[in-house]
Amino acid sequence: MQATQSLTPEQLFEFLLNVAPVRPVFIWGPPGIGKSSLVELFAAEVGLDCVSLLGSQLAPEDIIGVPQIVDGKSRFCPPTLIARDEPFCLFLDELNACSQEVQKAFYSLINDRRIGEFVLPEGSIVVGAGNRAQDAAIVKPLSSALINRMVHVSLRANHRNWLQWANNNALHILVVKYIQLRPDHLWSKPPKHEEPFSTPRSWHMLSDSLTAYTPETLTVETVSYLASGLLTPSHARQFVGFYKQQQYGLGIEDIVHGDKHWPDKPEERDILYFMVQSFRVYLIKNLSPNSNSQSQSDLVEKAKRLITQLAHISLEMAQLVLVEEESDDEHVTPQTLPGWFTAEIVRNAPRLVERKP
């Protein structure tokens, strides 16, 4: 779907409260971003039961029902899941994954809130949702008639909303702390090939899996298994490094102030990678964006020293301090180091910008 407005969970919730009672809404978004949870929360807020139908598993008769002979006349009897006496919120999940025949069955339900002779109880609400073609999910083109019967919006991940929800729902402290440090890792684009990828749902699943272990039984190996089975590979690697950093009690400020040194053992490469990323974030937060002020000369000298030490351990790791990390989320502004600082580092260590042949 093109040209739909992209909303955060908070914005979409407000949108549903105002629009959904008067017109059907269709929510577009990638898998695992929280569409279903948001609709369930909305239904609870307006005091309605939420009845979910999964489009990918429906046949036309699941909507319009089956014919029966009543007093010598045939009539279609809609399923009890829909034919209710009290108003409810009908959530048509994966609507664009159903066949064209099923889509036709939804026409009158979405537009007129009617199935044959049965009319949804006054006050009922219809909300649809589905993935996009670029999400490598099972999708089919929505007919123009169905598109024209709904108000379309897109949902995007938002780390502030998610962290608030995570704290309210007591998610595992490791997951919460990590997303606080790396909000850009909350969501990544679905890969073109078959591998796990990071979404709000996969972070929730990681939290549940970590909670299943006690602190005494949770090991680096277990964390590695869980993270690599749920997250984008690069995110999983950094999460394992973050876990080790927490276990070692090694903070980036300890390294900046010279109390501890960079992890330099081969088996510590994952924690070094995470610490380098943390060092970059630390510099972005603490360096002035405009000029090399005298008050920051101490931090600049420490940064030079630490980058030089990194280059002796691994030139690639030292280069990562200066490289802008790409984000899959177009709504997350990339974090960049001040230009004056990058120029000064490159001037003192030109090897950091050399490209391999």
Protein backbone atom coordinates (compact mmCIF):
# COMPACT_ATOMS: atom_id res chain seq x y z
CA MET A 1 0.00 0.00 0.00
CA GLN A 2 1.44 3.35 -1.06
CA ALA A 3 0.85 6.85 0.30
CA THR A 4 -0.49 5.87 3.73
CA GLN A 5 0.45 7.91 6.77
CA SER A 6 2.88 6.22 9.15
CA LEU A 7 1.89 6.44 12.81
CA THR A 8 3.51 5.45 16.09
CA PRO A 9 1.54 3.10 18.39
CA GLU A 10 0.47 6.07 20.52
CA GLN A 11 -0.71 8.04 17.48
CA LEU A 12 -2.52 5.04 16.01
CA PHE A 13 -4.29 4.29 19.28
CA GLU A 14 -5.68 7.84 19.33
CA PHE A 15 -6.59 7.51 15.64
CA LEU A 16 -8.56 4.31 16.28
CA LEU A 17 -10.44 5.86 19.19
CA ASN A 18 -11.75 8.61 16.92
CA VAL A 19 -12.08 7.00 13.49
CA ALA A 20 -12.76 3.27 13.99
CA PRO A 21 -16.23 3.78 15.57
CA VAL A 22 -17.44 5.54 12.42
CA ARG A 23 -15.42 3.93 9.59
CA PRO A 24 -13.50 0.66 9.16
CA VAL A 25 -9.72 1.10 9.47
CA PHE A 26 -7.01 -1.00 7.84
CA ILE A 27 -3.58 -1.09 9.54
CA TRP A 28 -0.53 -1.83 7.40
CA GLY A 29 2.81 -2.84 8.86
CA PRO A 30 5.59 -5.44 8.92
CA PRO A 31 5.29 -8.68 10.93
CA GLY A 32 5.81 -8.52 14.68
CA ILE A 33 5.38 -4.78 15.03
CA GLY A 34 2.37 -5.00 17.35
CA LYS A 35 -0.71 -4.52 15.14
CA SER A 36 -2.75 -7.28 16.81
CA SER A 37 -1.81 -6.22 20.35
CA LEU A 38 -2.74 -2.61 19.62
CA VAL A 39 -6.18 -3.55 18.29
CA GLU A 40 -6.84 -5.76 21.33
CA LEU A 41 -5.81 -2.89 23.61
CA PHE A 42 -8.08 -0.52 21.69
CA ALA A 43 -11.04 -2.91 22.00
CA ALA A 44 -10.49 -3.21 25.75
CA GLU A 45 -10.29 0.58 26.05
CA VAL A 46 -13.70 1.06 24.40
CA GLY A 47 -15.19 -1.84 26.37
CA LEU A 48 -15.74 -4.31 23.52
CA ASP A 49 -14.82 -7.96 23.13
CA CYS A 50 -12.24 -8.43 20.39
CA VAL A 51 -13.08 -11.21 17.93
CA SER A 52 -10.13 -12.03 15.65
CA LEU A 53 -10.39 -13.75 12.28
CA LEU A 54 -7.21 -14.78 10.48
CA GLY A 55 -7.61 -14.06 6.78
CA SER A 56 -5.03 -16.61 5.68
CA GLN A 57 -7.09 -19.42 7.26
CA LEU A 58 -10.59 -18.44 6.11
CA ALA A 59 -12.93 -19.81 3.47
CA PRO A 60 -15.95 -17.79 2.20
CA GLU A 61 -18.38 -19.92 4.24
CA ASP A 62 -16.47 -18.96 7.41
CA ILE A 63 -17.82 -15.44 6.83
CA ILE A 64 -21.19 -15.76 5.10
CA GLY A 65 -22.06 -19.04 6.78
CA VAL A 66 -23.80 -22.07 5.25
CA PRO A 67 -27.30 -22.24 3.73
CA GLN A 68 -30.17 -23.82 5.66
CA ILE A 69 -33.83 -24.41 4.78
CA VAL A 70 -36.15 -22.48 7.08
CA ASP A 71 -39.92 -22.61 6.41
CA GLY A 72 -39.26 -23.83 2.89
CA LYS A 73 -36.82 -21.01 2.12
CA SER A 74 -33.03 -21.05 2.08
CA ARG A 75 -31.08 -18.61 4.19
CA PHE A 76 -27.44 -18.27 5.13
CA CYS A 77 -26.63 -18.68 8.81
CA PRO A 78 -23.48 -16.76 9.77
CA PRO A 79 -21.09 -18.39 12.25
CA THR A 80 -21.69 -17.84 15.96
CA LEU A 81 -18.28 -16.18 16.24
CA ILE A 82 -19.72 -13.24 14.28
CA ALA A 83 -23.48 -13.53 14.86
CA ARG A 84 -23.55 -11.99 18.33
CA ASP A 85 -26.20 -10.10 20.22
CA GLU A 86 -23.87 -7.56 21.84
CA PRO A 87 -21.58 -5.09 19.99
CA PHE A 88 -17.97 -6.21 19.55
CA CYS A 89 -14.74 -5.32 17.74
CA LEU A 90 -14.20 -7.56 14.71
CA PHE A 91 -10.50 -7.74 13.91
CA LEU A 92 -9.74 -9.06 10.43
CA ASP A 93 -6.06 -9.93 10.77
CA GLU A 94 -3.99 -10.79 7.67
CA LEU A 95 -6.92 -9.61 5.58
CA ASN A 96 -4.72 -9.21 2.51
CA ALA A 97 -3.55 -12.83 2.82
CA CYS A 98 -6.96 -14.28 2.03
CA SER A 99 -8.20 -15.34 -1.40
CA GLN A 100 -10.21 -13.10 -3.72
CA GLU A 101 -13.33 -15.14 -2.92
CA VAL A 102 -12.91 -14.47 0.79
CA GLN A 103 -12.28 -10.80 0.06
CA LYS A 104 -15.63 -10.67 -1.73
CA ALA A 105 -17.31 -12.12 1.35
CA PHE A 106 -15.97 -9.17 3.34
CA TYR A 107 -17.45 -6.46 1.08
CA SER A 108 -20.79 -6.01 2.79
CA LEU A 109 -19.36 -6.86 6.21
CA ILE A 110 -16.82 -4.04 6.03
CA ASN A 111 -18.94 -1.47 4.22
CA ASP A 112 -22.42 -2.10 5.67
CA ARG A 113 -21.52 -4.24 8.69
CA ARG A 114 -23.91 -6.84 7.34
CA ILE A 115 -23.63 -10.55 6.46
CA GLY A 116 -26.66 -11.55 4.42
CA GLU A 117 -29.63 -10.85 6.66
CA PHE A 118 -27.53 -10.50 9.81
CA VAL A 119 -26.47 -6.99 10.79
CA LEU A 120 -23.70 -6.46 13.31
CA PRO A 121 -25.05 -5.08 16.59
CA GLU A 122 -25.13 -1.30 16.82
CA GLY A 123 -21.81 -0.04 18.16
CA SER A 124 -19.71 -2.83 16.62
CA ILE A 125 -16.35 -1.88 15.11
CA VAL A 126 -14.46 -3.44 12.19
CA VAL A 127 -10.65 -3.18 11.97
CA GLY A 128 -8.42 -4.91 9.42
CA ALA A 129 -4.66 -5.40 9.31
CA GLY A 130 -2.04 -6.90 7.07
CA ASN A 131 1.62 -7.05 6.08
CA ARG A 132 3.10 -5.29 3.07
CA ALA A 133 4.42 -6.89 -0.11
CA GLN A 134 7.99 -5.85 0.77
CA ASP A 135 7.81 -7.72 4.09
CA ALA A 136 8.38 -11.15 2.49
CA ALA A 137 5.08 -12.28 4.03
CA ILE A 138 2.17 -14.11 2.44
CA VAL A 139 0.14 -11.32 0.84
CA LYS A 140 -2.29 -11.03 -2.05
CA PRO A 141 -3.41 -7.83 -3.79
CA LEU A 142 -6.44 -6.26 -2.19
CA SER A 143 -9.21 -5.56 -4.65
CA SER A 144 -9.88 -1.90 -5.37
CA ALA A 145 -13.42 -2.33 -4.04
CA LEU A 146 -12.10 -3.54 -0.69
CA ILE A 147 -9.42 -0.85 -0.49
CA ASN A 148 -12.03 1.81 -1.10
CA ARG A 149 -14.14 0.58 1.83
CA MET A 150 -11.54 1.34 4.53
CA VAL A 151 -9.37 4.11 5.95
CA HIS A 152 -5.70 3.10 5.54
CA VAL A 153 -2.80 3.87 7.89
CA SER A 154 0.61 2.33 8.57
CA LEU A 155 2.04 1.40 11.96
CA ARG A 156 5.72 1.91 12.68
CA ALA A 157 7.82 0.80 15.63
CA ASN A 158 8.60 3.44 18.24
CA HIS A 159 11.12 2.67 20.96
CA ARG A 160 9.71 5.17 23.46
CA ASN A 161 6.22 3.68 23.29
CA TRP A 162 7.66 0.17 23.39
CA LEU A 163 9.93 0.86 26.38
CA GLN A 164 7.02 2.34 28.30
CA TRP A 165 4.99 -0.77 27.54
CA ALA A 166 7.94 -3.02 28.41
CA ASN A 167 8.41 -1.38 31.82
CA ASN A 168 4.67 -1.56 32.56
CA ASN A 169 4.67 -5.27 31.69
CA ALA A 170 7.88 -6.15 33.58
CA LEU A 171 9.90 -7.38 30.62
CA HIS A 172 13.33 -8.82 31.36
CA ILE A 173 15.73 -6.14 32.56
CA LEU A 174 18.40 -7.16 30.04
CA VAL A 175 16.04 -6.58 27.13
CA VAL A 176 14.85 -3.23 28.50
CA LYS A 177 18.39 -1.98 29.16
CA TYR A 178 19.59 -3.07 25.74
CA ILE A 179 16.81 -1.29 23.83
CA GLN A 180 17.46 1.80 25.96
CA LEU A 181 21.05 1.71 24.68
CA ARG A 182 20.21 0.65 21.12
CA PRO A 183 16.69 1.87 20.25
CA ASP A 184 17.55 1.44 16.56
CA HIS A 185 17.67 -2.33 17.13
CA LEU A 186 14.00 -2.60 18.12
CA TRP A 187 13.02 -3.37 14.54
CA SER A 188 14.78 -4.35 11.33
CA LYS A 189 13.54 -5.06 7.83
CA PRO A 190 12.45 -8.63 7.14
CA PRO A 191 15.34 -10.36 5.32
CA LYS A 192 15.02 -11.66 1.78
CA HIS A 193 16.28 -15.06 2.87
CA GLU A 194 15.17 -17.24 5.77
CA GLU A 195 16.66 -16.01 9.04
CA PRO A 196 15.36 -14.45 12.27
CA PHE A 197 14.96 -10.68 12.41
CA SER A 198 14.37 -8.18 15.19
CA THR A 199 10.85 -6.91 15.89
CA PRO A 200 9.00 -5.77 19.02
CA ARG A 201 7.48 -9.27 19.07
CA SER A 202 10.86 -11.04 18.89
CA TRP A 203 12.24 -8.89 21.72
CA HIS A 204 9.16 -9.79 23.78
CA MET A 205 9.78 -13.48 23.00
CA LEU A 206 13.43 -13.09 24.02
CA SER A 207 12.31 -11.53 27.31
CA ASP A 208 9.95 -14.43 28.01
CA SER A 209 12.68 -16.94 27.18
CA LEU A 210 15.25 -15.22 29.41
CA THR A 211 12.73 -15.07 32.25
CA ALA A 212 12.35 -18.85 32.07
CA TYR A 213 15.89 -19.10 33.48
CA THR A 214 17.11 -18.06 36.89
CA PRO A 215 20.14 -15.75 37.02
CA GLU A 216 22.17 -18.71 38.26
CA THR A 217 21.24 -20.99 35.35
CA LEU A 218 21.44 -18.38 32.58
CA THR A 219 24.75 -18.76 30.73
CA VAL A 220 26.44 -16.94 27.87
CA GLU A 221 25.87 -20.00 25.71
CA THR A 222 22.13 -19.97 26.46
CA VAL A 223 21.85 -16.23 25.77
CA SER A 224 23.64 -16.80 22.48
CA TYR A 225 21.23 -19.60 21.49
CA LEU A 226 18.18 -17.49 22.33
CA ALA A 227 19.37 -14.25 20.73
CA SER A 228 20.51 -15.90 17.51
CA GLY A 229 17.18 -17.74 17.26
CA LEU A 230 15.10 -14.57 17.56
CA LEU A 231 17.05 -11.50 16.42
CA THR A 232 18.77 -10.09 13.37
CA PRO A 233 22.25 -11.73 13.39
CA SER A 234 24.15 -8.47 13.99
CA HIS A 235 21.74 -7.53 16.81
CA ALA A 236 22.10 -10.99 18.36
CA ARG A 237 25.88 -10.66 18.35
CA GLN A 238 25.73 -7.30 20.09
CA PHE A 239 23.16 -8.51 22.62
CA VAL A 240 25.49 -11.35 23.64
CA GLY A 241 28.29 -8.82 23.98
CA PHE A 242 26.02 -6.65 26.09
CA TYR A 243 25.21 -9.62 28.34
CA LYS A 244 28.91 -10.36 28.83
CA GLN A 245 29.57 -6.70 29.56
CA GLN A 246 26.89 -6.81 32.26
CA GLN A 247 28.40 -10.00 33.70
CA TYR A 248 31.90 -8.54 33.74
CA GLY A 249 30.69 -5.26 35.23
CA LEU A 250 32.56 -3.49 32.44
CA GLY A 251 31.12 -0.04 31.71
CA ILE A 252 32.21 2.25 28.89
CA GLU A 253 33.00 5.00 31.41
CA ASP A 254 35.51 2.66 33.10
CA ILE A 255 37.37 2.46 29.78
CA VAL A 256 37.10 6.19 29.02
CA HIS A 257 38.48 7.10 32.44
CA GLY A 258 41.29 4.57 32.14
CA ASP A 259 40.16 2.34 35.01
CA LYS A 260 39.86 -0.66 32.64
CA HIS A 261 41.11 -1.51 29.17
CA TRP A 262 39.52 -2.78 25.96
CA PRO A 263 38.75 -6.52 25.98
CA ASP A 264 41.49 -7.89 23.74
CA LYS A 265 41.23 -11.68 23.95
CA PRO A 266 39.92 -13.56 20.90
CA GLU A 267 37.04 -15.01 22.93
CA GLU A 268 36.07 -11.47 23.96
CA ARG A 269 35.60 -10.19 20.41
CA ASP A 270 31.81 -9.97 20.73
CA ILE A 271 32.02 -7.91 23.91
CA LEU A 272 34.66 -5.69 22.26
CA TYR A 273 32.29 -5.13 19.34
CA PHE A 274 29.50 -4.05 21.70
CA MET A 275 31.85 -1.83 23.73
CA VAL A 276 33.01 -0.10 20.54
CA GLN A 277 29.41 0.67 19.63
CA SER A 278 28.82 1.93 23.19
CA PHE A 279 31.94 4.10 22.92
CA ARG A 280 30.62 5.67 19.72
CA VAL A 281 27.27 6.45 21.38
CA TYR A 282 29.13 7.88 24.41
CA LEU A 283 31.10 10.25 22.18
CA ILE A 284 28.00 11.36 20.29
CA LYS A 285 26.28 12.23 23.56
CA ASN A 286 29.23 14.01 25.14
CA LEU A 287 30.97 15.87 22.31
CA SER A 288 29.82 19.33 21.28
CA PRO A 289 28.29 19.26 17.78
CA ASN A 290 29.61 22.68 16.78
CA SER A 291 33.27 23.04 17.57
CA ASN A 292 36.23 21.58 19.42
CA SER A 293 35.70 23.54 22.63
CA GLN A 294 38.53 23.83 25.14
CA SER A 295 36.35 22.27 27.83
CA GLN A 296 36.24 19.04 25.85
CA SER A 297 39.93 18.78 25.10
CA ASP A 298 40.37 16.15 27.81
CA LEU A 299 37.69 13.89 26.30
CA VAL A 300 39.15 14.39 22.81
CA GLU A 301 42.60 13.31 23.97
CA LYS A 302 41.14 10.28 25.74
CA ALA A 303 39.18 9.39 22.60
CA LYS A 304 42.32 9.62 20.46
CA ARG A 305 44.18 7.36 22.87
CA LEU A 306 41.38 4.80 23.00
CA ILE A 307 40.96 4.73 19.22
CA THR A 308 44.71 4.20 18.83
CA GLN A 309 44.53 1.32 21.30
CA LEU A 310 41.62 -0.12 19.35
CA ALA A 311 43.57 0.09 16.10
CA HIS A 312 46.34 -2.03 17.64
CA ILE A 313 43.76 -4.66 18.61
CA SER A 314 41.78 -4.46 15.38
CA LEU A 315 41.81 -1.76 12.70
CA GLU A 316 38.28 -2.78 11.75
CA MET A 317 37.05 -2.16 15.31
CA ALA A 318 38.70 1.27 15.37
CA GLN A 319 37.04 2.16 12.07
CA LEU A 320 33.64 1.26 13.52
CA VAL A 321 33.91 4.22 15.89
CA LEU A 322 33.79 6.59 12.92
CA VAL A 323 31.41 4.68 10.65
CA GLU A 324 27.77 5.74 10.67
CA GLU A 325 25.65 2.67 11.34
CA GLU A 326 22.72 2.24 8.99
CA SER A 327 19.22 1.91 10.40
CA ASP A 328 16.34 0.02 8.79
CA ASP A 329 13.90 2.48 10.31
CA GLU A 330 13.59 5.64 8.22
CA HIS A 331 12.03 7.39 11.23
CA VAL A 332 15.16 6.89 13.37
CA THR A 333 17.67 9.67 12.74
CA PRO A 334 21.16 8.18 12.37
CA GLN A 335 23.50 9.17 15.19
CA THR A 336 26.58 10.94 13.86
CA LEU A 337 29.81 12.14 15.41
CA PRO A 338 30.62 15.87 15.13
CA GLY A 339 32.36 16.58 11.83
CA TRP A 340 35.22 18.44 13.49
CA PHE A 341 35.99 15.43 15.69
CA THR A 342 35.95 12.96 12.79
CA ALA A 343 38.23 15.25 10.78
CA GLU A 344 40.71 15.52 13.65
CA ILE A 345 40.82 11.74 14.19
CA VAL A 346 41.33 11.10 10.47
CA ARG A 347 44.05 13.73 10.32
CA ASN A 348 45.94 12.01 13.12
CA ALA A 349 45.21 8.46 11.93
CA PRO A 350 44.55 8.41 8.16
CA ARG A 351 44.63 4.59 8.15
CA LEU A 352 41.16 4.62 9.71
CA VAL A 353 39.59 5.72 6.44
CA GLU A 354 41.69 3.57 4.15
CA ARG A 355 39.66 1.10 2.15
CA LYS A 356 40.81 -2.42 1.52
CA PRO A 357 41.58 -3.13 -2.15
